[in-house]
Amino acid sequence: MSNFIIRAANITDGLKLQKIGKQTFLETFNSNDSAIDIEQYLNEKFSLEQLNSELKNPKSKFFFSEINNKIIGYLKINTGDAQTENLLSEALEIERIYVISKYQGKNIGKLLFDKAICVAKQKKIKDIWLGVWKKNHSAIKFYKKNGFVKFDKHKFTFGQDESINILMKLKVN
């Protein structure tokens, strides 16, 4: 890929993060839930205020994947009390890996995943974990292929629906 990079997002990237976050979320989940639930979620999780707060948190990090200065995907990782759940001590959580649908299947998700592993190794973190929707079969397959194993599950509510996330972890050497 020409001019491909992965770069850390910074505090001034809130609008860019909002744009890629909303786009990739809609591409991934739009057909599965009601328009009202999706709009509410996007307004809460991808408001500029929320994203700027997350960008300022030193225990959360965002990385953009770019081709020719165009953002095509992103990664969000959390450590410490920024993790969405306190499941594994001294772990790194992959909260989000999203890639624009046009670029899926081109190894972008794997490169973002590798970035998370690199950060974990730099911080001497031994466990990476994540939650993945039980119906997101392609993501589950991707994580299993990359060494993740299931270790738990939890319920989450999206709008009026209650569903299950599969929790997966990976030992980092």
Protein backbone atom coordinates (compact mmCIF):
# COMPACT_ATOMS: atom_id res chain seq x y z
CA MET A 1 0.00 0.00 0.00
CA SER A 2 1.39 3.34 -0.97
CA ASN A 3 1.85 5.93 1.75
CA PHE A 4 0.31 3.78 4.49
CA ILE A 5 0.99 4.75 8.10
CA ILE A 6 -0.33 4.13 11.58
CA ARG A 7 -0.09 7.19 13.76
CA ALA A 8 -1.10 8.10 17.28
CA ALA A 9 -4.11 10.38 17.46
CA ASN A 10 -3.64 13.56 19.45
CA ILE A 11 -5.86 15.96 21.34
CA THR A 12 -6.61 17.98 18.18
CA ASP A 13 -7.98 14.93 16.33
CA GLY A 14 -11.46 14.89 17.91
CA LEU A 15 -13.34 15.74 14.72
CA LYS A 16 -11.36 13.21 12.68
CA LEU A 17 -12.00 10.54 15.31
CA GLN A 18 -15.70 11.40 15.37
CA LYS A 19 -15.95 11.07 11.58
CA ILE A 20 -14.13 7.72 11.29
CA GLY A 21 -15.83 6.39 14.42
CA LYS A 22 -19.34 7.12 13.20
CA GLN A 23 -18.63 5.92 9.67
CA THR A 24 -17.14 2.59 10.67
CA PHE A 25 -19.74 1.96 13.36
CA LEU A 26 -22.57 2.53 10.87
CA GLU A 27 -20.91 0.29 8.29
CA THR A 28 -20.54 -2.46 10.87
CA PHE A 29 -23.83 -2.35 12.78
CA ASN A 30 -26.39 -0.27 10.86
CA SER A 31 -28.48 -3.19 9.62
CA ASN A 32 -28.72 -4.90 13.00
CA ASP A 33 -30.40 -2.29 15.22
CA SER A 34 -33.10 0.34 15.15
CA ALA A 35 -32.27 3.78 13.77
CA ILE A 36 -33.26 5.36 17.10
CA ASP A 37 -30.90 3.11 19.09
CA ILE A 38 -28.05 3.76 16.66
CA GLU A 39 -28.57 7.52 16.72
CA GLN A 40 -28.64 7.53 20.53
CA TYR A 41 -25.46 5.47 20.71
CA LEU A 42 -23.64 7.67 18.20
CA ASN A 43 -24.74 10.83 20.04
CA GLU A 44 -23.42 9.46 23.34
CA LYS A 45 -20.27 7.57 22.38
CA PHE A 46 -19.14 9.74 19.48
CA SER A 47 -20.01 13.21 20.72
CA LEU A 48 -17.09 15.58 20.36
CA GLU A 49 -17.14 16.19 24.11
CA GLN A 50 -16.89 12.45 24.85
CA LEU A 51 -14.15 11.82 22.30
CA ASN A 52 -12.08 14.81 23.45
CA SER A 53 -12.34 13.52 27.01
CA GLU A 54 -11.09 10.09 25.89
CA LEU A 55 -8.28 11.66 23.84
CA LYS A 56 -7.12 13.54 26.96
CA ASN A 57 -7.09 10.40 29.14
CA PRO A 58 -3.46 9.22 29.45
CA LYS A 59 -4.67 5.62 29.97
CA SER A 60 -6.51 5.54 26.63
CA LYS A 61 -4.75 5.74 23.28
CA PHE A 62 -6.10 6.03 19.77
CA PHE A 63 -4.22 5.19 16.59
CA PHE A 64 -5.30 6.04 13.04
CA SER A 65 -4.44 3.99 9.98
CA GLU A 66 -4.03 6.27 6.98
CA ILE A 67 -3.40 5.95 3.27
CA ASN A 68 -2.30 9.11 1.50
CA ASN A 69 -3.31 11.17 4.57
CA LYS A 70 -6.85 9.72 4.51
CA ILE A 71 -7.97 7.98 7.71
CA ILE A 72 -9.24 4.50 6.86
CA GLY A 73 -9.40 2.88 10.29
CA TYR A 74 -8.60 3.25 13.95
CA LEU A 75 -7.67 1.46 17.14
CA LYS A 76 -8.54 2.36 20.71
CA ILE A 77 -6.69 0.73 23.61
CA ASN A 78 -7.12 1.20 27.35
CA THR A 79 -5.08 0.42 30.44
CA GLY A 80 -5.70 0.84 34.17
CA ASP A 81 -8.99 2.43 35.15
CA ALA A 82 -9.73 3.44 31.54
CA GLN A 83 -10.65 -0.17 30.75
CA THR A 84 -14.35 -0.76 30.27
CA GLU A 85 -14.20 -3.53 32.87
CA ASN A 86 -11.72 -4.50 35.55
CA LEU A 87 -11.25 -8.12 34.52
CA LEU A 88 -7.54 -8.81 34.35
CA SER A 89 -4.95 -7.10 36.50
CA GLU A 90 -2.31 -5.15 34.61
CA ALA A 91 -3.91 -5.80 31.23
CA LEU A 92 -4.44 -3.84 28.05
CA GLU A 93 -7.93 -3.70 26.58
CA ILE A 94 -8.55 -3.39 22.87
CA GLU A 95 -11.81 -1.46 22.98
CA ARG A 96 -12.14 -0.81 19.26
CA ILE A 97 -10.58 -1.84 15.98
CA TYR A 98 -12.55 -0.54 13.02
CA VAL A 99 -11.66 -0.28 9.35
CA ILE A 100 -13.72 1.35 6.58
CA SER A 101 -15.45 -1.46 4.68
CA LYS A 102 -13.72 -0.58 1.40
CA TYR A 103 -10.37 -1.37 3.05
CA GLN A 104 -11.36 -4.54 4.90
CA GLY A 105 -9.58 -7.68 3.81
CA LYS A 106 -6.41 -5.68 3.06
CA ASN A 107 -4.61 -6.48 6.34
CA ILE A 108 -5.39 -3.07 7.93
CA GLY A 109 -7.13 -4.63 10.96
CA LYS A 110 -4.15 -6.95 11.47
CA LEU A 111 -1.73 -4.03 11.37
CA LEU A 112 -3.81 -2.16 13.97
CA PHE A 113 -3.95 -5.34 16.05
CA ASP A 114 -0.16 -5.63 15.79
CA LYS A 115 0.11 -2.03 17.02
CA ALA A 116 -1.82 -2.99 20.16
CA ILE A 117 0.56 -5.91 20.76
CA CYS A 118 3.55 -3.62 20.26
CA VAL A 119 2.20 -1.15 22.85
CA ALA A 120 1.55 -4.00 25.30
CA LYS A 121 5.11 -5.26 24.90
CA GLN A 122 6.54 -1.76 25.34
CA LYS A 123 4.56 -1.39 28.56
CA LYS A 124 5.50 -4.94 29.64
CA ILE A 125 1.82 -5.90 29.81
CA LYS A 126 1.23 -9.65 29.72
CA ASP A 127 -2.48 -9.85 28.84
CA ILE A 128 -4.58 -8.23 26.14
CA TRP A 129 -8.34 -8.63 26.30
CA LEU A 130 -11.39 -7.48 24.38
CA GLY A 131 -15.12 -7.92 24.12
CA VAL A 132 -16.73 -8.86 20.82
CA TRP A 133 -20.42 -9.14 20.00
CA LYS A 134 -21.34 -12.83 19.81
CA LYS A 135 -22.90 -12.33 16.35
CA ASN A 136 -19.80 -10.68 14.90
CA HIS A 137 -18.51 -13.98 13.53
CA SER A 138 -15.84 -12.48 11.27
CA ALA A 139 -14.27 -10.58 14.20
CA ILE A 140 -14.36 -13.67 16.42
CA LYS A 141 -12.69 -15.68 13.66
CA PHE A 142 -10.05 -12.95 13.25
CA TYR A 143 -9.26 -12.88 16.98
CA LYS A 144 -9.09 -16.68 17.26
CA LYS A 145 -6.77 -16.79 14.25
CA ASN A 146 -4.53 -14.32 16.07
CA GLY A 147 -4.31 -16.35 19.27
CA PHE A 148 -7.18 -15.03 21.39
CA VAL A 149 -9.18 -17.48 23.48
CA LYS A 150 -12.59 -17.04 25.07
CA PHE A 151 -12.48 -16.57 28.84
CA ASP A 152 -15.86 -15.11 29.79
CA LYS A 153 -18.91 -13.30 28.52
CA HIS A 154 -21.03 -10.41 29.67
CA LYS A 155 -24.35 -8.83 28.88
CA PHE A 156 -24.59 -5.41 27.37
CA THR A 157 -27.54 -3.23 26.52
CA PHE A 158 -27.82 -1.38 23.23
CA GLY A 159 -30.97 0.70 23.13
CA GLN A 160 -33.82 -1.64 24.03
CA ASP A 161 -31.89 -4.81 23.21
CA GLU A 162 -29.82 -6.91 25.57
CA SER A 163 -27.08 -8.97 23.99
CA ILE A 164 -23.93 -10.88 24.83
CA ASN A 165 -20.30 -9.98 24.28
CA ILE A 166 -17.75 -12.74 24.24
CA LEU A 167 -14.66 -11.79 26.22
CA MET A 168 -11.38 -12.98 24.73
CA LYS A 169 -7.79 -12.69 25.88
CA LEU A 170 -4.29 -13.15 24.56
CA LYS A 171 -1.06 -13.76 26.49
CA VAL A 172 1.70 -11.45 25.30
CA ASN A 173 5.26 -12.80 25.51
